[in-house]
C-alpha atoms as a PDB file:
ATOM      1  CA  MET A   1     119.467  22.973 179.521  1.00  0.00           C
ATOM      2  CA  SER A   2     116.959  23.400 176.678  1.00  0.00           C
ATOM      3  CA  ASN A   3     113.919  25.654 176.840  1.00  0.00           C
ATOM      4  CA  GLU A   4     111.651  22.615 176.401  1.00  0.00           C
ATOM      5  CA  PHE A   5     113.136  20.878 179.449  1.00  0.00           C
ATOM      6  CA  LEU A   6     112.871  23.980 181.644  1.00  0.00           C
ATOM      7  CA  PHE A   7     109.304  24.732 180.576  1.00  0.00           C
ATOM      8  CA  LEU A   8     108.179  21.104 181.014  1.00  0.00           C
ATOM      9  CA  SER A   9     109.904  20.840 184.415  1.00  0.00           C
ATOM     10  CA  GLY A  10     108.266  24.057 185.606  1.00  0.00           C
ATOM     11  CA  PHE A  11     104.881  22.839 184.375  1.00  0.00           C
ATOM     12  CA  LEU A  12     105.227  19.494 186.194  1.00  0.00           C
ATOM     13  CA  VAL A  13     106.255  21.237 189.432  1.00  0.00           C
ATOM     14  CA  PHE A  14     103.210  23.501 189.110  1.00  0.00           C
ATOM     15  CA  ILE A  15     100.883  20.485 188.636  1.00  0.00           C
ATOM     16  CA  VAL A  16     102.395  18.601 191.592  1.00  0.00           C
ATOM     17  CA  VAL A  17     101.978  21.673 193.834  1.00  0.00           C
ATOM     18  CA  LEU A  18      98.382  22.015 192.634  1.00  0.00           C
ATOM     19  CA  LEU A  19      97.627  18.374 193.438  1.00  0.00           C
ATOM     20  CA  MET A  20      99.322  18.629 196.822  1.00  0.00           C
ATOM     21  CA  LEU A  21      97.151  21.640 197.661  1.00  0.00           C
ATOM     22  CA  ASP A  22      94.118  19.685 196.561  1.00  0.00           C
ATOM     23  CA  LEU A  23      94.984  16.751 198.815  1.00  0.00           C
ATOM     24  CA  GLY A  24      96.455  18.602 201.779  1.00  0.00           C
ATOM     25  CA  ILE A  25      94.370  21.762 202.031  1.00  0.00           C
ATOM     26  CA  PHE A  26      91.107  21.406 200.149  1.00  0.00           C
ATOM     27  CA  ASN A  27      90.365  17.854 201.296  1.00  0.00           C
ATOM     28  CA  LYS A  28      91.701  17.418 204.820  1.00  0.00           C
ATOM     29  CA  LYS A  29      88.539  15.745 206.040  1.00  0.00           C
ATOM     30  CA  ASP A  30      87.745  12.175 205.059  1.00  0.00           C
ATOM     31  CA  SER A  31      84.305  13.015 203.676  1.00  0.00           C
ATOM     32  CA  ALA A  32      82.387  13.057 200.415  1.00  0.00           C
ATOM     33  CA  VAL A  33      83.062  16.008 198.105  1.00  0.00           C
ATOM     34  CA  SER A  34      80.050  18.328 198.008  1.00  0.00           C
ATOM     35  CA  LEU A  35      78.505  19.727 194.840  1.00  0.00           C
ATOM     36  CA  LYS A  36      79.645  23.216 195.890  1.00  0.00           C
ATOM     37  CA  GLN A  37      83.270  22.085 196.360  1.00  0.00           C
ATOM     38  CA  ALA A  38      83.218  20.292 192.993  1.00  0.00           C
ATOM     39  CA  GLY A  39      81.754  23.358 191.286  1.00  0.00           C
ATOM     40  CA  LEU A  40      84.339  25.735 192.749  1.00  0.00           C
ATOM     41  CA  MET A  41      87.211  23.377 191.923  1.00  0.00           C
ATOM     42  CA  SER A  42      85.932  22.919 188.364  1.00  0.00           C
ATOM     43  CA  ILE A  43      85.716  26.685 187.851  1.00  0.00           C
ATOM     44  CA  PHE A  44      89.236  27.073 189.309  1.00  0.00           C
ATOM     45  CA  ILE A  45      90.721  24.449 186.949  1.00  0.00           C
ATOM     46  CA  VAL A  46      88.932  25.886 183.904  1.00  0.00           C
ATOM     47  CA  LEU A  47      90.211  29.380 184.762  1.00  0.00           C
ATOM     48  CA  LEU A  48      93.746  27.992 185.145  1.00  0.00           C
ATOM     49  CA  SER A  49      93.426  26.335 181.735  1.00  0.00           C
ATOM     50  CA  LEU A  50      92.226  29.573 180.152  1.00  0.00           C
ATOM     51  CA  GLY A  51      95.110  31.373 181.854  1.00  0.00           C
ATOM     52  CA  PHE A  52      97.526  28.880 180.296  1.00  0.00           C
ATOM     53  CA  TYR A  53      95.882  29.480 176.915  1.00  0.00           C
ATOM     54  CA  ILE A  54      96.542  33.225 177.304  1.00  0.00           C
ATOM     55  CA  LEU A  55     100.141  32.471 178.350  1.00  0.00           C
ATOM     56  CA  LEU A  56     100.696  30.431 175.180  1.00  0.00           C
ATOM     57  CA  THR A  57      99.035  33.097 173.031  1.00  0.00           C
ATOM     58  CA  TYR A  58     101.640  35.657 174.115  1.00  0.00           C
ATOM     59  CA  TYR A  59     104.692  33.623 175.127  1.00  0.00           C
ATOM     60  CA  GLY A  60     104.275  30.199 173.478  1.00  0.00           C
ATOM     61  CA  HIS A  61     107.378  30.712 171.348  1.00  0.00           C
ATOM     62  CA  LEU A  62     109.520  30.501 174.499  1.00  0.00           C
ATOM     63  CA  ILE A  63     108.750  26.770 174.875  1.00  0.00           C
ATOM     64  CA  HIS A  64     110.966  25.913 171.913  1.00  0.00           C
ATOM     65  CA  GLY A  65     113.335  28.839 172.327  1.00  0.00           C
ATOM     66  CA  ILE A  66     112.305  30.597 169.119  1.00  0.00           C
ATOM     67  CA  ASP A  67     114.517  33.675 168.673  1.00  0.00           C
ATOM     68  CA  SER A  68     114.973  33.799 164.912  1.00  0.00           C
ATOM     69  CA  VAL A  69     113.047  33.218 161.693  1.00  0.00           C
ATOM     70  CA  GLU A  70     115.210  30.157 161.015  1.00  0.00           C
ATOM     71  CA  ARG A  71     114.359  28.602 164.390  1.00  0.00           C
ATOM     72  CA  LEU A  72     110.680  29.383 163.850  1.00  0.00           C
ATOM     73  CA  GLN A  73     110.754  27.739 160.424  1.00  0.00           C
ATOM     74  CA  GLU A  74     112.408  24.667 161.950  1.00  0.00           C
ATOM     75  CA  VAL A  75     109.758  24.309 164.707  1.00  0.00           C
ATOM     76  CA  VAL A  76     106.827  24.937 162.337  1.00  0.00           C
ATOM     77  CA  ALA A  77     108.144  22.344 159.874  1.00  0.00           C
ATOM     78  CA  LYS A  78     108.861  19.781 162.603  1.00  0.00           C
ATOM     79  CA  HIS A  79     105.433  19.997 164.261  1.00  0.00           C
ATOM     80  CA  LYS A  80     103.539  20.877 161.059  1.00  0.00           C
ATOM     81  CA  HIS A  81     101.885  23.988 162.493  1.00  0.00           C
ATOM     82  CA  PRO A  82      99.555  25.702 159.957  1.00  0.00           C
ATOM     83  CA  VAL A  83     101.400  29.007 160.299  1.00  0.00           C
ATOM     84  CA  LYS A  84     102.512  31.297 157.489  1.00  0.00           C
ATOM     85  CA  ILE A  85     105.940  32.718 158.273  1.00  0.00           C
ATOM     86  CA  ILE A  86     106.622  36.209 156.966  1.00  0.00           C
ATOM     87  CA  PRO A  87     110.298  36.478 155.898  1.00  0.00           C
ATOM     88  CA  GLY A  88     112.083  39.381 157.541  1.00  0.00           C
ATOM     89  CA  ASN A  89     109.280  39.974 160.053  1.00  0.00           C
ATOM     90  CA  LEU A  90     110.053  37.842 163.103  1.00  0.00           C
ATOM     91  CA  ASP A  91     107.720  39.653 165.529  1.00  0.00           C
ATOM     92  CA  HIS A  92     104.624  39.301 163.356  1.00  0.00           C
ATOM     93  CA  SER A  93     105.485  35.685 162.497  1.00  0.00           C
ATOM     94  CA  ILE A  94     105.857  34.857 166.208  1.00  0.00           C
ATOM     95  CA  MET A  95     102.503  36.531 166.905  1.00  0.00           C
ATOM     96  CA  LEU A  96     100.824  34.280 164.301  1.00  0.00           C
ATOM     97  CA  TYR A  97     102.640  31.237 165.678  1.00  0.00           C
ATOM     98  CA  ASN A  98     101.630  31.974 169.289  1.00  0.00           C
ATOM     99  CA  LYS A  99      98.018  32.615 168.319  1.00  0.00           C
ATOM    100  CA  ASN A 100      97.851  29.236 166.559  1.00  0.00           C
ATOM    101  CA  LEU A 101      99.627  27.507 169.462  1.00  0.00           C
ATOM    102  CA  GLY A 102      97.039  28.850 171.893  1.00  0.00           C
ATOM    103  CA  LEU A 103      94.208  27.640 169.641  1.00  0.00           C
ATOM    104  CA  GLU A 104      95.786  24.180 169.374  1.00  0.00           C
ATOM    105  CA  PHE A 105      95.980  23.954 173.167  1.00  0.00           C
ATOM    106  CA  LEU A 106      92.392  25.146 173.639  1.00  0.00           C
ATOM    107  CA  THR A 107      91.015  22.773 170.985  1.00  0.00           C
ATOM    108  CA  GLY A 108      92.982  19.814 172.366  1.00  0.00           C
ATOM    109  CA  TYR A 109      91.869  20.653 175.896  1.00  0.00           C
ATOM    110  CA  LEU A 110      88.227  20.779 174.817  1.00  0.00           C
ATOM    111  CA  VAL A 111      88.475  17.433 172.997  1.00  0.00           C
ATOM    112  CA  GLU A 112      90.124  15.772 175.990  1.00  0.00           C
ATOM    113  CA  TYR A 113      87.637  17.294 178.436  1.00  0.00           C
ATOM    114  CA  ALA A 114      84.699  16.132 176.303  1.00  0.00           C
ATOM    115  CA  LEU A 115      86.010  12.579 175.986  1.00  0.00           C
ATOM    116  CA  SER A 116      86.621  12.539 179.751  1.00  0.00           C
ATOM    117  CA  ILE A 117      82.852  12.630 180.243  1.00  0.00           C
ATOM    118  CA  ASP A 118      82.625   9.150 178.745  1.00  0.00           C
ATOM    119  CA  ASN A 119      85.287   8.049 181.213  1.00  0.00           C
ATOM    120  CA  ILE A 120      83.051   9.262 184.048  1.00  0.00           C
ATOM    121  CA  PHE A 121      80.400   6.725 183.027  1.00  0.00           C
ATOM    122  CA  VAL A 122      82.900   3.891 183.453  1.00  0.00           C
ATOM    123  CA  ILE A 123      84.325   5.165 186.762  1.00  0.00           C
ATOM    124  CA  LEU A 124      80.791   5.463 188.152  1.00  0.00           C
ATOM    125  CA  LEU A 125      80.139   1.845 187.182  1.00  0.00           C
ATOM    126  CA  VAL A 126      83.378   0.743 188.890  1.00  0.00           C
ATOM    127  CA  PHE A 127      82.572   2.594 192.116  1.00  0.00           C
ATOM    128  CA  SER A 128      78.986   1.312 192.263  1.00  0.00           C
ATOM    129  CA  GLY A 129      79.965  -2.221 191.228  1.00  0.00           C
ATOM    130  CA  PHE A 130      82.552  -2.502 194.005  1.00  0.00           C
ATOM    131  CA  GLY A 131      80.421  -0.651 196.557  1.00  0.00           C
ATOM    132  CA  VAL A 132      82.977   2.114 197.191  1.00  0.00           C
ATOM    133  CA  ALA A 133      81.809   4.585 199.854  1.00  0.00           C
ATOM    134  CA  PRO A 134      81.355   8.152 198.446  1.00  0.00           C
ATOM    135  CA  ARG A 135      83.803   9.500 201.063  1.00  0.00           C
ATOM    136  CA  ASN A 136      86.572   7.426 199.407  1.00  0.00           C
ATOM    137  CA  TYR A 137      85.914   8.592 195.835  1.00  0.00           C
ATOM    138  CA  HIS A 138      88.310  11.524 196.147  1.00  0.00           C
ATOM    139  CA  ARG A 139      91.216   9.408 197.412  1.00  0.00           C
ATOM    140  CA  VAL A 140      90.928   6.942 194.526  1.00  0.00           C
ATOM    141  CA  LEU A 141      90.550   9.667 191.893  1.00  0.00           C
ATOM    142  CA  PHE A 142      93.389  11.738 193.322  1.00  0.00           C
ATOM    143  CA  TRP A 143      95.963   8.949 193.206  1.00  0.00           C
ATOM    144  CA  GLY A 144      94.531   7.835 189.879  1.00  0.00           C
ATOM    145  CA  ILE A 145      95.467  11.238 188.471  1.00  0.00           C
ATOM    146  CA  PHE A 146      99.116  10.749 189.486  1.00  0.00           C
ATOM    147  CA  GLY A 147      99.280   7.472 187.598  1.00  0.00           C
ATOM    148  CA  ALA A 148      97.476   8.984 184.615  1.00  0.00           C
ATOM    149  CA  ILE A 149     100.015  11.825 184.365  1.00  0.00           C
ATOM    150  CA  VAL A 150     102.916   9.349 184.180  1.00  0.00           C
ATOM    151  CA  MET A 151     101.141   7.198 181.574  1.00  0.00           C
ATOM    152  CA  ARG A 152     100.168  10.202 179.445  1.00  0.00           C
ATOM    153  CA  PHE A 153     103.743  11.513 179.516  1.00  0.00           C
ATOM    154  CA  LEU A 154     105.061   8.210 178.150  1.00  0.00           C
ATOM    155  CA  PHE A 155     102.254   7.733 175.628  1.00  0.00           C
ATOM    156  CA  ILE A 156     102.430  11.247 174.218  1.00  0.00           C
ATOM    157  CA  PHE A 157     106.182  11.598 173.743  1.00  0.00           C
ATOM    158  CA  ILE A 158     106.568   8.047 172.394  1.00  0.00           C
ATOM    159  CA  GLY A 159     103.613   8.678 170.079  1.00  0.00           C
ATOM    160  CA  ALA A 160     105.120  11.965 168.886  1.00  0.00           C
ATOM    161  CA  ALA A 161     108.432  10.262 168.127  1.00  0.00           C
ATOM    162  CA  LEU A 162     106.648   7.549 166.122  1.00  0.00           C
ATOM    163  CA  ILE A 163     104.632  10.116 164.148  1.00  0.00           C
ATOM    164  CA  GLN A 164     107.819  12.042 163.349  1.00  0.00           C
ATOM    165  CA  LYS A 165     109.458   8.867 162.042  1.00  0.00           C
ATOM    166  CA  PHE A 166     106.450   7.105 160.498  1.00  0.00           C
ATOM    167  CA  GLU A 167     103.877   9.596 159.214  1.00  0.00           C
ATOM    168  CA  TRP A 168     101.598   6.766 158.037  1.00  0.00           C
ATOM    169  CA  ILE A 169     100.735   6.088 161.702  1.00  0.00           C
ATOM    170  CA  MET A 170      98.378   9.081 161.467  1.00  0.00           C
ATOM    171  CA  TYR A 171      96.233   7.068 159.039  1.00  0.00           C
ATOM    172  CA  VAL A 172      96.207   4.114 161.452  1.00  0.00           C
ATOM    173  CA  PHE A 173      95.147   6.409 164.302  1.00  0.00           C
ATOM    174  CA  GLY A 174      92.466   7.960 162.099  1.00  0.00           C
ATOM    175  CA  ALA A 175      91.017   4.587 161.062  1.00  0.00           C
ATOM    176  CA  PHE A 176      91.022   3.454 164.700  1.00  0.00           C
ATOM    177  CA  LEU A 177      89.149   6.582 165.840  1.00  0.00           C
ATOM    178  CA  ILE A 178      86.528   6.138 163.106  1.00  0.00           C
ATOM    179  CA  TYR A 179      86.087   2.510 164.190  1.00  0.00           C
ATOM    180  CA  THR A 180      85.763   3.624 167.833  1.00  0.00           C
ATOM    181  CA  GLY A 181      83.245   6.336 166.915  1.00  0.00           C
ATOM    182  CA  VAL A 182      81.071   3.934 164.880  1.00  0.00           C
ATOM    183  CA  LYS A 183      81.285   1.299 167.638  1.00  0.00           C
ATOM    184  CA  MET A 184      80.281   3.878 170.274  1.00  0.00           C
ATOM    185  CA  PHE A 185      77.265   4.899 168.167  1.00  0.00           C
ATOM    186  CA  ILE A 186      76.132   1.289 167.634  1.00  0.00           C
ATOM    187  CA  GLU A 187      76.521   0.447 171.336  1.00  0.00           C
ATOM    188  CA  ARG A 188      75.161   3.770 172.657  1.00  0.00           C
ATOM    189  CA  ASN A 189      72.156   2.100 174.323  1.00  0.00           C
ATOM    190  CA  LYS A 190      74.039  -0.910 175.641  1.00  0.00           C
ATOM    191  CA  GLU A 191      73.808  -1.388 179.408  1.00  0.00           C
ATOM    192  CA  ASP A 192      77.353  -1.628 180.805  1.00  0.00           C
ATOM    193  CA  GLU A 193      78.007  -3.664 183.924  1.00  0.00           C
ATOM    194  CA  ILE A 194      80.963  -4.252 186.235  1.00  0.00           C
ATOM    195  CA  ASP A 195      81.252  -7.694 187.826  1.00  0.00           C
ATOM    196  CA  PRO A 196      83.720  -7.391 190.755  1.00  0.00           C
ATOM    197  CA  GLN A 197      84.159 -11.132 191.115  1.00  0.00           C
ATOM    198  CA  HIS A 198      85.066 -11.806 187.501  1.00  0.00           C
ATOM    199  CA  HIS A 199      86.928  -8.620 186.565  1.00  0.00           C
ATOM    200  CA  PRO A 200      90.340  -9.482 184.981  1.00  0.00           C
ATOM    201  CA  VAL A 201      92.214  -7.156 187.392  1.00  0.00           C
ATOM    202  CA  VAL A 202      90.582  -8.804 190.425  1.00  0.00           C
ATOM    203  CA  LYS A 203      91.333 -12.296 189.138  1.00  0.00           C
ATOM    204  CA  PHE A 204      94.976 -11.394 188.446  1.00  0.00           C
ATOM    205  CA  ALA A 205      95.438  -9.776 191.877  1.00  0.00           C
ATOM    206  CA  GLN A 206      93.856 -12.693 193.727  1.00  0.00           C
ATOM    207  CA  LYS A 207      96.100 -15.132 191.881  1.00  0.00           C
ATOM    208  CA  HIS A 208      99.412 -13.298 192.413  1.00  0.00           C
ATOM    209  CA  PHE A 209      98.962 -11.172 195.562  1.00  0.00           C
ATOM    210  CA  LYS A 210      97.426 -11.228 199.016  1.00  0.00           C
ATOM    211  CA  VAL A 211      94.028  -9.532 198.862  1.00  0.00           C
ATOM    212  CA  HIS A 212      91.840  -8.646 201.849  1.00  0.00           C
ATOM    213  CA  ASN A 213      88.158  -9.458 201.358  1.00  0.00           C
ATOM    214  CA  GLN A 214      86.691  -6.195 202.653  1.00  0.00           C
ATOM    215  CA  PHE A 215      87.230  -2.424 202.747  1.00  0.00           C
ATOM    216  CA  VAL A 216      89.152  -0.955 205.678  1.00  0.00           C
ATOM    217  CA  GLY A 217      88.257   2.746 205.727  1.00  0.00           C
ATOM    218  CA  ASN A 218      90.266   4.588 203.081  1.00  0.00           C
ATOM    219  CA  LYS A 219      93.307   2.296 203.299  1.00  0.00           C
ATOM    220  CA  PHE A 220      94.877   0.740 200.215  1.00  0.00           C
ATOM    221  CA  PHE A 221      96.813  -1.824 202.271  1.00  0.00           C
ATOM    222  CA  VAL A 222      96.242  -3.462 205.643  1.00  0.00           C
ATOM    223  CA  VAL A 223      98.286  -5.840 207.832  1.00  0.00           C
ATOM    224  CA  ILE A 224      96.358  -8.927 208.965  1.00  0.00           C
ATOM    225  CA  ASN A 225      98.169 -11.385 211.295  1.00  0.00           C
ATOM    226  CA  GLY A 226     101.502  -9.950 210.200  1.00  0.00           C
ATOM    227  CA  ILE A 227     100.676 -10.282 206.503  1.00  0.00           C
ATOM    228  CA  LYS A 228     100.355  -7.166 204.323  1.00  0.00           C
ATOM    229  CA  LYS A 229      97.339  -7.368 202.031  1.00  0.00           C
ATOM    230  CA  MET A 230      95.705  -5.215 199.353  1.00  0.00           C
ATOM    231  CA  THR A 231      92.275  -3.907 200.153  1.00  0.00           C
ATOM    232  CA  PRO A 232      89.434  -3.793 197.602  1.00  0.00           C
ATOM    233  CA  LEU A 233      89.966  -0.016 197.470  1.00  0.00           C
ATOM    234  CA  PHE A 234      93.440  -0.547 195.997  1.00  0.00           C
ATOM    235  CA  LEU A 235      91.964  -2.919 193.405  1.00  0.00           C
ATOM    236  CA  VAL A 236      89.483  -0.185 192.483  1.00  0.00           C
ATOM    237  CA  LEU A 237      92.414   2.234 192.048  1.00  0.00           C
ATOM    238  CA  ILE A 238      94.156  -0.233 189.705  1.00  0.00           C
ATOM    239  CA  ILE A 239      90.950  -0.649 187.679  1.00  0.00           C
ATOM    240  CA  VAL A 240      90.553   3.146 187.408  1.00  0.00           C
ATOM    241  CA  GLU A 241      94.163   3.345 186.152  1.00  0.00           C
ATOM    242  CA  PHE A 242      93.485   0.517 183.701  1.00  0.00           C
ATOM    243  CA  THR A 243      90.355   2.349 182.527  1.00  0.00           C
ATOM    244  CA  ASP A 244      92.390   5.510 181.921  1.00  0.00           C
ATOM    245  CA  LEU A 245      94.930   3.482 179.955  1.00  0.00           C
ATOM    246  CA  ILE A 246      92.174   2.278 177.615  1.00  0.00           C
ATOM    247  CA  PHE A 247      90.707   5.775 177.470  1.00  0.00           C
ATOM    248  CA  ALA A 248      94.121   7.243 176.536  1.00  0.00           C
ATOM    249  CA  VAL A 249      94.262   4.972 173.473  1.00  0.00           C
ATOM    250  CA  ASP A 250      91.330   6.998 172.089  1.00  0.00           C
ATOM    251  CA  SER A 251      91.998  10.470 173.446  1.00  0.00           C
ATOM    252  CA  ILE A 252      95.721  10.885 172.730  1.00  0.00           C
ATOM    253  CA  PRO A 253      95.501  10.071 168.988  1.00  0.00           C
ATOM    254  CA  ALA A 254      92.501  12.431 168.875  1.00  0.00           C
ATOM    255  CA  ILE A 255      94.593  15.363 170.096  1.00  0.00           C
ATOM    256  CA  PHE A 256      97.408  14.508 167.690  1.00  0.00           C
ATOM    257  CA  SER A 257      94.886  15.348 164.961  1.00  0.00           C
ATOM    258  CA  ILE A 258      94.832  18.898 166.372  1.00  0.00           C
ATOM    259  CA  THR A 259      98.569  19.386 166.901  1.00  0.00           C
ATOM    260  CA  LYS A 260     101.741  17.370 166.366  1.00  0.00           C
ATOM    261  CA  ASP A 261     103.586  19.301 169.086  1.00  0.00           C
ATOM    262  CA  PRO A 262     103.932  16.790 171.971  1.00  0.00           C
ATOM    263  CA  TYR A 263     104.265  19.574 174.541  1.00  0.00           C
ATOM    264  CA  ILE A 264     100.895  21.082 173.580  1.00  0.00           C
ATOM    265  CA  VAL A 265      99.328  17.606 173.531  1.00  0.00           C
ATOM    266  CA  PHE A 266     100.714  16.944 177.015  1.00  0.00           C
ATOM    267  CA  PHE A 267      99.659  20.310 178.453  1.00  0.00           C
ATOM    268  CA  SER A 268      96.092  19.998 177.146  1.00  0.00           C
ATOM    269  CA  ASN A 269      95.888  16.390 178.400  1.00  0.00           C
ATOM    270  CA  ILE A 270      97.075  17.212 181.897  1.00  0.00           C
ATOM    271  CA  PHE A 271      94.767  20.191 182.385  1.00  0.00           C
ATOM    272  CA  ALA A 272      91.829  18.007 181.342  1.00  0.00           C
ATOM    273  CA  ILE A 273      92.946  15.167 183.640  1.00  0.00           C
ATOM    274  CA  ILE A 274      93.268  17.325 186.750  1.00  0.00           C
ATOM    275  CA  GLY A 275      89.830  18.713 185.951  1.00  0.00           C
ATOM    276  CA  LEU A 276      88.377  15.208 185.669  1.00  0.00           C
ATOM    277  CA  ARG A 277      88.178  14.684 189.450  1.00  0.00           C
ATOM    278  CA  SER A 278      86.096  17.775 190.145  1.00  0.00           C
ATOM    279  CA  MET A 279      84.038  17.202 186.996  1.00  0.00           C
ATOM    280  CA  PHE A 280      83.285  13.673 188.236  1.00  0.00           C
ATOM    281  CA  PHE A 281      81.669  14.982 191.418  1.00  0.00           C
ATOM    282  CA  LEU A 282      79.911  17.729 189.495  1.00  0.00           C
ATOM    283  CA  LEU A 283      78.402  15.464 186.826  1.00  0.00           C
ATOM    284  CA  ALA A 284      78.072  12.148 188.685  1.00  0.00           C
ATOM    285  CA  GLY A 285      74.420  12.751 189.522  1.00  0.00           C
ATOM    286  CA  ILE A 286      73.328  14.261 186.197  1.00  0.00           C
ATOM    287  CA  VAL A 287      75.544  12.669 183.529  1.00  0.00           C
ATOM    288  CA  ASN A 288      72.783  10.173 182.645  1.00  0.00           C
ATOM    289  CA  LYS A 289      70.500  13.077 181.679  1.00  0.00           C
ATOM    290  CA  PHE A 290      72.669  13.770 178.614  1.00  0.00           C
ATOM    291  CA  ARG A 291      71.213  10.881 176.653  1.00  0.00           C
ATOM    292  CA  PHE A 292      72.463  12.130 173.271  1.00  0.00           C
ATOM    293  CA  LEU A 293      75.995  12.799 174.512  1.00  0.00           C
ATOM    294  CA  LYS A 294      77.186   9.345 173.434  1.00  0.00           C
ATOM    295  CA  ILE A 295      76.051  10.141 169.901  1.00  0.00           C
ATOM    296  CA  GLY A 296      77.874  13.482 170.101  1.00  0.00           C
ATOM    297  CA  LEU A 297      81.093  11.831 171.282  1.00  0.00           C
ATOM    298  CA  ALA A 298      80.773   9.189 168.544  1.00  0.00           C
ATOM    299  CA  ALA A 299      80.424  11.982 165.962  1.00  0.00           C
ATOM    300  CA  LEU A 300      83.389  13.794 167.533  1.00  0.00           C
ATOM    301  CA  LEU A 301      85.661  10.732 167.298  1.00  0.00           C
ATOM    302  CA  THR A 302      84.539  10.057 163.722  1.00  0.00           C
ATOM    303  CA  PHE A 303      85.186  13.674 162.688  1.00  0.00           C
ATOM    304  CA  ILE A 304      88.657  13.597 164.236  1.00  0.00           C
ATOM    305  CA  GLY A 305      89.425  10.250 162.594  1.00  0.00           C
ATOM    306  CA  LEU A 306      88.388  11.588 159.175  1.00  0.00           C
ATOM    307  CA  LYS A 307      90.450  14.717 159.805  1.00  0.00           C
ATOM    308  CA  MET A 308      93.537  12.578 160.484  1.00  0.00           C
ATOM    309  CA  ILE A 309      93.058  10.537 157.310  1.00  0.00           C
ATOM    310  CA  PHE A 310      92.334  13.515 155.022  1.00  0.00           C
ATOM    311  CA  HIS A 311      94.625  16.032 156.726  1.00  0.00           C
ATOM    312  CA  HIS A 312      96.604  16.749 153.526  1.00  0.00           C
ATOM    313  CA  TYR A 313      93.434  17.654 151.607  1.00  0.00           C
ATOM    314  CA  LEU A 314      92.139  19.756 154.507  1.00  0.00           C
ATOM    315  CA  ASP A 315      95.444  21.645 154.679  1.00  0.00           C
ATOM    316  CA  ASP A 316      95.199  22.411 150.964  1.00  0.00           C
ATOM    317  CA  ILE A 317      91.739  24.006 151.329  1.00  0.00           C
ATOM    318  CA  GLY A 318      92.793  25.996 154.405  1.00  0.00           C
ATOM    319  CA  PHE A 319      90.898  23.994 157.035  1.00  0.00           C
ATOM    320  CA  GLY A 320      92.816  25.049 160.147  1.00  0.00           C
ATOM    321  CA  THR A 321      92.739  24.775 163.922  1.00  0.00           C
ATOM    322  CA  SER A 322      90.034  27.427 164.332  1.00  0.00           C
ATOM    323  CA  HIS A 323      87.719  25.494 161.993  1.00  0.00           C
ATOM    324  CA  SER A 324      88.265  22.291 163.997  1.00  0.00           C
ATOM    325  CA  LEU A 325      87.443  24.182 167.182  1.00  0.00           C
ATOM    326  CA  ILE A 326      84.154  25.428 165.692  1.00  0.00           C
ATOM    327  CA  VAL A 327      83.136  21.926 164.555  1.00  0.00           C
ATOM    328  CA  ILE A 328      84.008  20.363 167.937  1.00  0.00           C
ATOM    329  CA  ILE A 329      82.128  23.019 169.940  1.00  0.00           C
ATOM    330  CA  SER A 330      79.117  22.668 167.607  1.00  0.00           C
ATOM    331  CA  ILE A 331      78.985  18.871 168.029  1.00  0.00           C
ATOM    332  CA  LEU A 332      79.180  19.077 171.825  1.00  0.00           C
ATOM    333  CA  PHE A 333      76.704  21.967 172.088  1.00  0.00           C
ATOM    334  CA  LEU A 334      74.136  20.221 169.886  1.00  0.00           C
ATOM    335  CA  SER A 335      74.379  16.872 171.713  1.00  0.00           C
ATOM    336  CA  ILE A 336      73.951  18.525 175.135  1.00  0.00           C
ATOM    337  CA  ALA A 337      71.234  20.964 173.971  1.00  0.00           C
ATOM    338  CA  ILE A 338      69.169  18.224 172.287  1.00  0.00           C
ATOM    339  CA  SER A 339      69.526  16.065 175.427  1.00  0.00           C
ATOM    340  CA  LEU A 340      68.096  18.874 177.563  1.00  0.00           C
ATOM    341  CA  LEU A 341      65.352  19.775 175.072  1.00  0.00           C
ATOM    342  CA  PHE A 342      64.235  16.171 174.592  1.00  0.00           C
ATOM    343  CA  PRO A 343      64.767  14.362 177.913  1.00  0.00           C
ATOM    344  CA  GLU A 344      64.135  10.647 178.141  1.00  0.00           C
ATOM    345  CA  LYS A 345      60.537   9.862 179.052  1.00  0.00           C
ATOM    346  CA  LYS A 346      60.139   7.670 182.094  1.00  0.00           C
ATOM    347  CA  VAL A 347      57.822   4.718 181.648  1.00  0.00           C
ATOM    348  CA  ARG A 348      55.332   4.464 184.476  1.00  0.00           C
ATOM    349  CA  LYS A 349      54.574   1.014 185.776  1.00  0.00           C
ATOM    350  CA  ILE A 350      50.863   0.306 186.262  1.00  0.00           C
ATOM    351  CA  GLU A 351      50.272  -1.524 189.504  1.00  0.00           C
ATOM    352  CA  SER A 352      47.719  -4.298 189.325  1.00  0.00           C
END
């Protein structure tokens, strides 16, 4: 078996164990997740991600079984890593490769985590629109993560194969991200709404399946008069999955602008996804206070799109992964800092 297969299998087992612990140990009670629990879980996931970054920085070459200069040259050429290989000095070349690999993971993770905040807005709208009880948020988000992992796996490795075969797809992805960024900026003040009765997923389910008309605790299915029916909670889960599918169309091409290595794209995606649940509970009550965050995310998508289109020119002037990381952190820091420094003024209504 190849090193890639073993490393990926071990990573997936680790994630499944982590999710099982989350469901079976940390959330035994059917109750709403507290701010303290969300904070501790968020810190735990971030520390795990940083630990994985350190692992890649020292042992990243083991993923692709790099044991010679020739193998290193092959991997660098295949995934277009901006690494200068020193002939006759394998150890130093591997050190440079691992350092860059760690930076690619960290930058991709940060991009994915930042874009996940926009996904929180939509999930909040879905939960409030369908009247989901707070105690059931965790169940929906937990199983949503499982579906997201499967979808990301397929999207990322199919996308990587297409990029390897058709390099011009990078320009298509770049143009799409610029379009998305501009559209997000134009519609930044638009009030989004979720209409449960007319949502396409609800209409499709009601037409093709048996759907119960009310929630039954935290159950996804219920048997009524011998007939098995979906509950509204299961419809909410499907909508959350559908939302993540749309979200992945933006976020996955964005990370391919950072690295062409599908394994690094997948690892950074998954760490951000498993952190989304705890981040949801942590930011749910305050996410609306970051009123300039939409502008920051629009700028982030536009920057990444431009980077994908002009990547050859940027490579020629030495614009590397570390520079992308600095730009991304700066955009996010400024959008959050300005939001906190200039909060939205509430208009007081004068009673007559």
